[in-house]
C-alpha atoms as a PDB file:
ATOM      1  CA  UNK A   1     -13.065 -21.921  23.010  1.00  0.00           C
ATOM      2  CA  UNK A   2     -12.459 -21.700  19.278  1.00  0.00           C
ATOM      3  CA  UNK A   3      -9.331 -19.715  18.419  1.00  0.00           C
ATOM      4  CA  UNK A   4      -7.432 -18.611  15.320  1.00  0.00           C
ATOM      5  CA  UNK A   5      -3.671 -18.800  14.922  1.00  0.00           C
ATOM      6  CA  UNK A   6      -2.119 -16.842  12.066  1.00  0.00           C
ATOM      7  CA  UNK A   7       1.450 -18.065  11.618  1.00  0.00           C
ATOM      8  CA  UNK A   8       4.148 -16.632   9.381  1.00  0.00           C
ATOM      9  CA  UNK A   9       6.943 -19.136   8.750  1.00  0.00           C
ATOM     10  CA  UNK A  10      10.399 -18.045   7.604  1.00  0.00           C
ATOM     11  CA  UNK A  11      13.358 -20.102   6.506  1.00  0.00           C
ATOM     12  CA  UNK A  12      13.583 -22.412   3.524  1.00  0.00           C
ATOM     13  CA  UNK A  13       9.818 -22.860   3.483  1.00  0.00           C
ATOM     14  CA  UNK A  14       8.978 -22.463  -0.214  1.00  0.00           C
ATOM     15  CA  UNK A  15       9.736 -25.007  -2.916  1.00  0.00           C
ATOM     16  CA  UNK A  16       9.858 -27.953  -0.512  1.00  0.00           C
ATOM     17  CA  UNK A  17       6.209 -29.044  -0.464  1.00  0.00           C
ATOM     18  CA  UNK A  18       5.455 -27.127   2.733  1.00  0.00           C
ATOM     19  CA  UNK A  19       1.851 -26.328   1.773  1.00  0.00           C
ATOM     20  CA  UNK A  20       1.035 -29.899   0.774  1.00  0.00           C
ATOM     21  CA  UNK A  21       2.560 -31.398   3.908  1.00  0.00           C
ATOM     22  CA  UNK A  22       0.807 -28.793   6.094  1.00  0.00           C
ATOM     23  CA  UNK A  23      -2.544 -29.713   4.510  1.00  0.00           C
ATOM     24  CA  UNK A  24      -1.838 -33.436   4.914  1.00  0.00           C
ATOM     25  CA  UNK A  25      -0.963 -33.013   8.605  1.00  0.00           C
ATOM     26  CA  UNK A  26      -4.093 -30.876   9.120  1.00  0.00           C
ATOM     27  CA  UNK A  27      -6.208 -33.901   8.177  1.00  0.00           C
ATOM     28  CA  UNK A  28      -5.172 -35.505  11.473  1.00  0.00           C
ATOM     29  CA  UNK A  29      -6.479 -32.594  13.559  1.00  0.00           C
ATOM     30  CA  UNK A  30      -9.795 -30.853  14.011  1.00  0.00           C
ATOM     31  CA  UNK A  31      -8.627 -27.619  12.413  1.00  0.00           C
ATOM     32  CA  UNK A  32      -9.802 -25.542   9.478  1.00  0.00           C
ATOM     33  CA  UNK A  33      -8.013 -22.813   7.560  1.00  0.00           C
ATOM     34  CA  UNK A  34      -5.458 -22.415   4.819  1.00  0.00           C
ATOM     35  CA  UNK A  35      -1.788 -22.248   3.938  1.00  0.00           C
ATOM     36  CA  UNK A  36      -0.202 -20.155   1.181  1.00  0.00           C
ATOM     37  CA  UNK A  37       3.127 -18.885  -0.094  1.00  0.00           C
ATOM     38  CA  UNK A  38       3.791 -15.163   0.184  1.00  0.00           C
ATOM     39  CA  UNK A  39       5.739 -13.133  -2.390  1.00  0.00           C
ATOM     40  CA  UNK A  40       8.448 -12.292   0.176  1.00  0.00           C
ATOM     41  CA  UNK A  41       9.426 -15.974   0.648  1.00  0.00           C
ATOM     42  CA  UNK A  42       7.422 -16.633   3.816  1.00  0.00           C
ATOM     43  CA  UNK A  43       4.539 -19.066   4.226  1.00  0.00           C
ATOM     44  CA  UNK A  44       1.307 -17.886   5.854  1.00  0.00           C
ATOM     45  CA  UNK A  45      -0.805 -20.430   7.710  1.00  0.00           C
ATOM     46  CA  UNK A  46      -4.167 -19.764   9.336  1.00  0.00           C
ATOM     47  CA  UNK A  47      -5.646 -22.471  11.534  1.00  0.00           C
ATOM     48  CA  UNK A  48      -8.858 -22.379  13.542  1.00  0.00           C
ATOM     49  CA  UNK A  49     -10.201 -24.815  16.083  1.00  0.00           C
ATOM     50  CA  UNK A  50     -10.121 -25.539  19.783  1.00  0.00           C
ATOM     51  CA  UNK A  51      -6.966 -23.875  21.119  1.00  0.00           C
ATOM     52  CA  UNK A  52      -5.453 -27.189  22.264  1.00  0.00           C
ATOM     53  CA  UNK A  53      -6.072 -28.699  18.832  1.00  0.00           C
ATOM     54  CA  UNK A  54      -4.506 -25.744  16.992  1.00  0.00           C
ATOM     55  CA  UNK A  55      -1.471 -25.865  19.305  1.00  0.00           C
ATOM     56  CA  UNK A  56      -1.123 -29.628  18.745  1.00  0.00           C
ATOM     57  CA  UNK A  57      -1.309 -29.098  14.976  1.00  0.00           C
ATOM     58  CA  UNK A  58       1.354 -26.372  15.097  1.00  0.00           C
ATOM     59  CA  UNK A  59       3.591 -28.658  17.160  1.00  0.00           C
ATOM     60  CA  UNK A  60       3.076 -31.491  14.675  1.00  0.00           C
ATOM     61  CA  UNK A  61       4.256 -29.181  11.888  1.00  0.00           C
ATOM     62  CA  UNK A  62       7.313 -28.196  13.909  1.00  0.00           C
ATOM     63  CA  UNK A  63       8.268 -31.810  14.624  1.00  0.00           C
ATOM     64  CA  UNK A  64       7.549 -33.051  11.082  1.00  0.00           C
ATOM     65  CA  UNK A  65      10.054 -33.127   8.221  1.00  0.00           C
ATOM     66  CA  UNK A  66       9.217 -29.422   7.764  1.00  0.00           C
ATOM     67  CA  UNK A  67      10.807 -28.523  11.092  1.00  0.00           C
ATOM     68  CA  UNK A  68      14.362 -28.490   9.788  1.00  0.00           C
ATOM     69  CA  UNK A  69      13.377 -25.905   7.160  1.00  0.00           C
ATOM     70  CA  UNK A  70      11.625 -23.510   9.555  1.00  0.00           C
ATOM     71  CA  UNK A  71      13.834 -20.770  10.945  1.00  0.00           C
ATOM     72  CA  UNK A  72      11.077 -18.854  12.726  1.00  0.00           C
ATOM     73  CA  UNK A  73       7.327 -19.080  13.303  1.00  0.00           C
ATOM     74  CA  UNK A  74       5.642 -15.798  14.235  1.00  0.00           C
ATOM     75  CA  UNK A  75       2.246 -16.680  15.756  1.00  0.00           C
ATOM     76  CA  UNK A  76      -0.626 -14.241  16.270  1.00  0.00           C
ATOM     77  CA  UNK A  77      -3.678 -15.476  18.217  1.00  0.00           C
ATOM     78  CA  UNK A  78      -7.199 -14.089  17.887  1.00  0.00           C
ATOM     79  CA  UNK A  79     -10.807 -15.188  18.131  1.00  0.00           C
ATOM     80  CA  UNK A  80     -11.887 -17.507  15.341  1.00  0.00           C
ATOM     81  CA  UNK A  81     -14.130 -16.231  12.567  1.00  0.00           C
ATOM     82  CA  UNK A  82     -15.297 -19.771  11.748  1.00  0.00           C
ATOM     83  CA  UNK A  83     -15.360 -18.871   8.042  1.00  0.00           C
ATOM     84  CA  UNK A  84     -13.568 -22.034   6.851  1.00  0.00           C
ATOM     85  CA  UNK A  85     -15.099 -25.395   5.945  1.00  0.00           C
ATOM     86  CA  UNK A  86     -11.879 -27.389   5.655  1.00  0.00           C
ATOM     87  CA  UNK A  87      -8.145 -26.867   5.308  1.00  0.00           C
ATOM     88  CA  UNK A  88      -6.963 -25.715   1.896  1.00  0.00           C
ATOM     89  CA  UNK A  89      -3.978 -24.543  -0.057  1.00  0.00           C
ATOM     90  CA  UNK A  90      -4.422 -21.035  -1.381  1.00  0.00           C
ATOM     91  CA  UNK A  91      -2.532 -19.560  -4.310  1.00  0.00           C
END
């Protein structure tokens, strides 16, 4: 089943290349979606794909060099909209 994870990351997650690394890691998984900085200092990430693939991608982010900068990841699951064609950085 195709699912959507909307994740809000807190910590020192802006100004460290988080979005670029997240997009690079996404290339290794069958996920679509986007990542963007929020004005309040958080990073928002939306990933869609098979639930196991989205979970594996989220785990890869957590265990990457980004992991030491993440204080919290608030994940909200829902059904996928399948509106994305790839994984992009949004501004």
